[in-house]
N, C-alpha and C. Protein backbone atom coordinates (compact mmCIF):
# COMPACT_ATOMS: atom_id res chain seq x y z
N MET A 1 34.16 58.35 145.23
CA MET A 1 33.67 57.18 145.93
C MET A 1 34.31 55.94 145.30
N PRO A 2 35.01 55.14 146.10
CA PRO A 2 35.64 53.93 145.58
C PRO A 2 34.61 52.91 145.10
N GLU A 3 34.93 52.24 144.02
CA GLU A 3 34.08 51.19 143.46
C GLU A 3 34.92 50.00 143.07
N ARG A 4 34.29 48.85 143.04
CA ARG A 4 34.93 47.63 142.54
C ARG A 4 33.92 46.89 141.68
N LYS A 5 34.38 46.37 140.54
CA LYS A 5 33.57 45.48 139.72
C LYS A 5 34.06 44.07 140.00
N VAL A 6 33.12 43.16 140.17
CA VAL A 6 33.49 41.77 140.46
C VAL A 6 32.45 40.83 139.85
N ALA A 7 32.93 39.73 139.30
CA ALA A 7 32.05 38.69 138.79
C ALA A 7 31.70 37.75 139.95
N VAL A 8 30.44 37.45 140.10
CA VAL A 8 29.98 36.58 141.19
C VAL A 8 30.35 35.14 140.86
N ALA A 9 31.11 34.52 141.76
CA ALA A 9 31.64 33.18 141.50
C ALA A 9 30.71 32.05 141.95
N SER A 10 29.78 32.32 142.85
CA SER A 10 28.90 31.25 143.34
C SER A 10 28.10 30.66 142.20
N SER A 11 28.00 29.34 142.18
CA SER A 11 27.34 28.65 141.06
C SER A 11 25.85 28.97 140.96
N VAL A 12 25.23 29.40 142.07
CA VAL A 12 23.82 29.78 142.03
C VAL A 12 23.65 31.30 142.03
N GLY A 13 24.73 32.04 141.90
CA GLY A 13 24.65 33.49 141.95
C GLY A 13 24.44 33.97 143.38
N LEU A 14 23.85 35.14 143.51
CA LEU A 14 23.59 35.68 144.86
C LEU A 14 22.17 35.32 145.29
N HIS A 15 21.99 34.06 145.62
CA HIS A 15 20.70 33.56 146.07
C HIS A 15 20.90 32.84 147.38
N ALA A 16 19.89 32.88 148.23
CA ALA A 16 19.83 32.17 149.51
C ALA A 16 21.13 32.28 150.32
N ARG A 17 21.85 31.20 150.44
CA ARG A 17 23.03 31.17 151.32
C ARG A 17 24.12 32.16 150.89
N PRO A 18 24.53 32.20 149.62
CA PRO A 18 25.56 33.17 149.24
C PRO A 18 25.14 34.61 149.51
N ALA A 19 23.88 34.93 149.26
CA ALA A 19 23.41 36.30 149.52
C ALA A 19 23.46 36.61 151.01
N THR A 20 23.06 35.65 151.83
CA THR A 20 23.08 35.85 153.28
C THR A 20 24.50 36.07 153.78
N LEU A 21 25.44 35.27 153.31
CA LEU A 21 26.84 35.43 153.72
C LEU A 21 27.38 36.79 153.29
N PHE A 22 27.03 37.22 152.09
CA PHE A 22 27.48 38.52 151.59
C PHE A 22 26.88 39.65 152.44
N VAL A 23 25.59 39.60 152.69
CA VAL A 23 24.91 40.64 153.47
C VAL A 23 25.48 40.72 154.88
N GLN A 24 25.75 39.59 155.50
CA GLN A 24 26.34 39.59 156.84
C GLN A 24 27.72 40.25 156.82
N ALA A 25 28.50 39.97 155.80
CA ALA A 25 29.83 40.58 155.69
C ALA A 25 29.71 42.09 155.45
N ALA A 26 28.75 42.49 154.63
CA ALA A 26 28.54 43.92 154.36
C ALA A 26 28.10 44.65 155.62
N ALA A 27 27.28 43.99 156.43
CA ALA A 27 26.79 44.62 157.66
C ALA A 27 27.90 44.82 158.68
N ARG A 28 28.94 44.02 158.61
CA ARG A 28 30.08 44.15 159.54
C ARG A 28 31.03 45.29 159.16
N GLN A 29 30.87 45.85 157.99
CA GLN A 29 31.79 46.89 157.53
C GLN A 29 31.53 48.21 158.25
N PRO A 30 32.57 49.02 158.43
CA PRO A 30 32.42 50.29 159.12
C PRO A 30 31.79 51.39 158.25
N VAL A 31 31.54 51.07 156.99
CA VAL A 31 30.94 52.03 156.06
C VAL A 31 29.75 51.38 155.38
N LYS A 32 28.84 52.21 154.87
CA LYS A 32 27.70 51.70 154.11
C LYS A 32 28.20 51.29 152.73
N VAL A 33 27.81 50.10 152.30
CA VAL A 33 28.21 49.56 151.01
C VAL A 33 26.96 49.37 150.16
N THR A 34 27.07 49.70 148.87
CA THR A 34 25.98 49.43 147.95
C THR A 34 26.44 48.42 146.91
N ILE A 35 25.46 47.75 146.31
CA ILE A 35 25.73 46.77 145.26
C ILE A 35 24.74 47.00 144.13
N ALA A 36 25.20 46.84 142.91
CA ALA A 36 24.33 47.01 141.74
C ALA A 36 24.81 46.12 140.62
N LYS A 37 23.89 45.74 139.75
CA LYS A 37 24.30 45.13 138.50
C LYS A 37 24.90 46.25 137.66
N VAL A 38 25.81 45.90 136.76
CA VAL A 38 26.44 46.90 135.91
C VAL A 38 25.34 47.64 135.14
N GLY A 39 25.31 48.96 135.29
CA GLY A 39 24.31 49.79 134.61
C GLY A 39 22.98 49.87 135.33
N GLY A 40 22.87 49.19 136.48
CA GLY A 40 21.61 49.19 137.23
C GLY A 40 21.65 50.09 138.44
N ASP A 41 20.55 50.14 139.14
CA ASP A 41 20.44 50.96 140.35
C ASP A 41 21.09 50.25 141.53
N ALA A 42 21.79 51.02 142.34
CA ALA A 42 22.47 50.48 143.52
C ALA A 42 21.47 50.29 144.66
N VAL A 43 21.70 49.22 145.44
CA VAL A 43 20.89 48.95 146.63
C VAL A 43 21.81 48.77 147.82
N ASP A 44 21.24 48.88 149.00
CA ASP A 44 21.99 48.71 150.25
C ASP A 44 22.44 47.25 150.36
N ALA A 45 23.73 47.03 150.47
CA ALA A 45 24.29 45.68 150.54
C ALA A 45 23.99 45.01 151.88
N ARG A 46 23.44 45.74 152.84
CA ARG A 46 23.12 45.16 154.15
C ARG A 46 21.71 44.57 154.20
N SER A 47 20.98 44.64 153.08
CA SER A 47 19.61 44.14 153.03
C SER A 47 19.53 42.88 152.17
N VAL A 48 19.22 41.76 152.79
CA VAL A 48 19.14 40.52 152.03
C VAL A 48 18.01 40.59 150.99
N LEU A 49 16.93 41.27 151.30
CA LEU A 49 15.83 41.39 150.33
C LEU A 49 16.25 42.20 149.11
N PHE A 50 16.98 43.28 149.32
CA PHE A 50 17.45 44.08 148.19
C PHE A 50 18.45 43.29 147.35
N VAL A 51 19.36 42.59 148.01
CA VAL A 51 20.38 41.82 147.30
C VAL A 51 19.73 40.69 146.50
N LEU A 52 18.80 39.98 147.10
CA LEU A 52 18.09 38.93 146.38
C LEU A 52 17.30 39.50 145.21
N GLY A 53 16.75 40.70 145.40
CA GLY A 53 15.96 41.35 144.35
C GLY A 53 16.76 41.71 143.11
N LEU A 54 18.08 41.80 143.24
CA LEU A 54 18.92 42.08 142.07
C LEU A 54 18.95 40.91 141.09
N ASP A 55 18.66 39.70 141.59
CA ASP A 55 18.65 38.49 140.75
C ASP A 55 19.98 38.32 140.01
N VAL A 56 21.06 38.34 140.78
CA VAL A 56 22.40 38.20 140.22
C VAL A 56 22.70 36.72 140.00
N ARG A 57 23.08 36.39 138.78
CA ARG A 57 23.39 35.00 138.41
C ARG A 57 24.90 34.77 138.45
N SER A 58 25.26 33.51 138.45
CA SER A 58 26.67 33.13 138.45
C SER A 58 27.39 33.73 137.24
N GLY A 59 28.54 34.34 137.49
CA GLY A 59 29.34 34.94 136.43
C GLY A 59 28.97 36.37 136.07
N GLU A 60 27.84 36.85 136.55
CA GLU A 60 27.45 38.24 136.28
C GLU A 60 28.31 39.19 137.09
N GLU A 61 28.58 40.35 136.50
CA GLU A 61 29.35 41.37 137.21
C GLU A 61 28.43 42.27 138.01
N VAL A 62 28.91 42.62 139.20
CA VAL A 62 28.24 43.61 140.03
C VAL A 62 29.23 44.71 140.36
N VAL A 63 28.70 45.84 140.76
CA VAL A 63 29.52 46.98 141.16
C VAL A 63 29.28 47.24 142.64
N LEU A 64 30.34 47.19 143.41
CA LEU A 64 30.28 47.52 144.83
C LEU A 64 30.81 48.93 145.01
N ALA A 65 30.18 49.71 145.86
CA ALA A 65 30.64 51.07 146.13
C ALA A 65 30.50 51.36 147.61
N ALA A 66 31.41 52.20 148.11
CA ALA A 66 31.37 52.61 149.52
C ALA A 66 32.04 53.97 149.62
N GLU A 67 31.70 54.68 150.68
CA GLU A 67 32.31 55.98 150.89
C GLU A 67 32.62 56.14 152.37
N GLY A 68 33.76 56.74 152.64
CA GLY A 68 34.13 57.01 154.02
C GLY A 68 35.42 56.32 154.39
N ASP A 69 35.81 56.53 155.64
CA ASP A 69 37.03 55.96 156.16
C ASP A 69 36.91 54.44 156.23
N GLY A 70 37.78 53.75 155.55
CA GLY A 70 37.73 52.29 155.51
C GLY A 70 37.01 51.73 154.31
N ALA A 71 36.61 52.59 153.38
CA ALA A 71 35.86 52.13 152.20
C ALA A 71 36.67 51.16 151.35
N ASP A 72 37.92 51.48 151.09
CA ASP A 72 38.73 50.60 150.23
C ASP A 72 38.91 49.22 150.85
N ALA A 73 39.18 49.16 152.14
CA ALA A 73 39.36 47.87 152.81
C ALA A 73 38.05 47.07 152.80
N ALA A 74 36.94 47.75 153.01
CA ALA A 74 35.64 47.08 152.98
C ALA A 74 35.36 46.49 151.61
N LEU A 75 35.64 47.28 150.57
CA LEU A 75 35.39 46.80 149.20
C LEU A 75 36.33 45.66 148.84
N ASP A 76 37.56 45.74 149.30
CA ASP A 76 38.51 44.64 149.04
C ASP A 76 38.00 43.33 149.65
N GLU A 77 37.53 43.40 150.89
CA GLU A 77 37.04 42.20 151.57
C GLU A 77 35.81 41.63 150.87
N LEU A 78 34.87 42.50 150.51
CA LEU A 78 33.65 42.03 149.87
C LEU A 78 33.90 41.53 148.45
N THR A 79 34.85 42.14 147.76
CA THR A 79 35.21 41.67 146.42
C THR A 79 35.80 40.27 146.50
N GLU A 80 36.66 40.05 147.46
CA GLU A 80 37.25 38.72 147.64
C GLU A 80 36.16 37.68 147.96
N LEU A 81 35.21 38.08 148.78
CA LEU A 81 34.12 37.18 149.14
C LEU A 81 33.29 36.78 147.92
N LEU A 82 32.91 37.76 147.10
CA LEU A 82 32.11 37.46 145.92
C LEU A 82 32.89 36.70 144.87
N SER A 83 34.20 36.78 144.90
CA SER A 83 35.06 36.05 143.95
C SER A 83 35.23 34.59 144.34
N THR A 84 34.63 34.22 145.48
CA THR A 84 34.72 32.85 146.00
C THR A 84 33.39 32.16 145.76
N ASP A 85 33.42 30.87 145.44
CA ASP A 85 32.18 30.10 145.31
C ASP A 85 31.64 29.86 146.71
N LEU A 86 30.70 30.67 147.15
CA LEU A 86 30.18 30.59 148.51
C LEU A 86 29.31 29.37 148.74
N ASP A 87 29.00 28.64 147.69
CA ASP A 87 28.24 27.40 147.85
C ASP A 87 29.11 26.30 148.43
N LYS A 88 30.42 26.48 148.36
CA LYS A 88 31.36 25.45 148.82
C LYS A 88 32.05 25.84 150.12
N VAL A 89 31.62 26.93 150.73
CA VAL A 89 32.24 27.40 151.98
C VAL A 89 31.55 26.76 153.15
């Protein structure tokens, strides 16, 4: 199963607007994507409540994982998104 580690660039972490933008992007993917804090339990990246529940702060690393046809492309897109300060988009 492909995985990517990425540091969250948004100044407020994955809260409110950045989390919503991330969840919307994850929901558009052709594969199910999970997100977790490093060493933590993975949650469905399509759920804003689960993503907010991770309490990811700015600069913290998360692990994205996906399986299936298109997994690498999905992870690349979501990694790029999290590497961007979504507060300024």
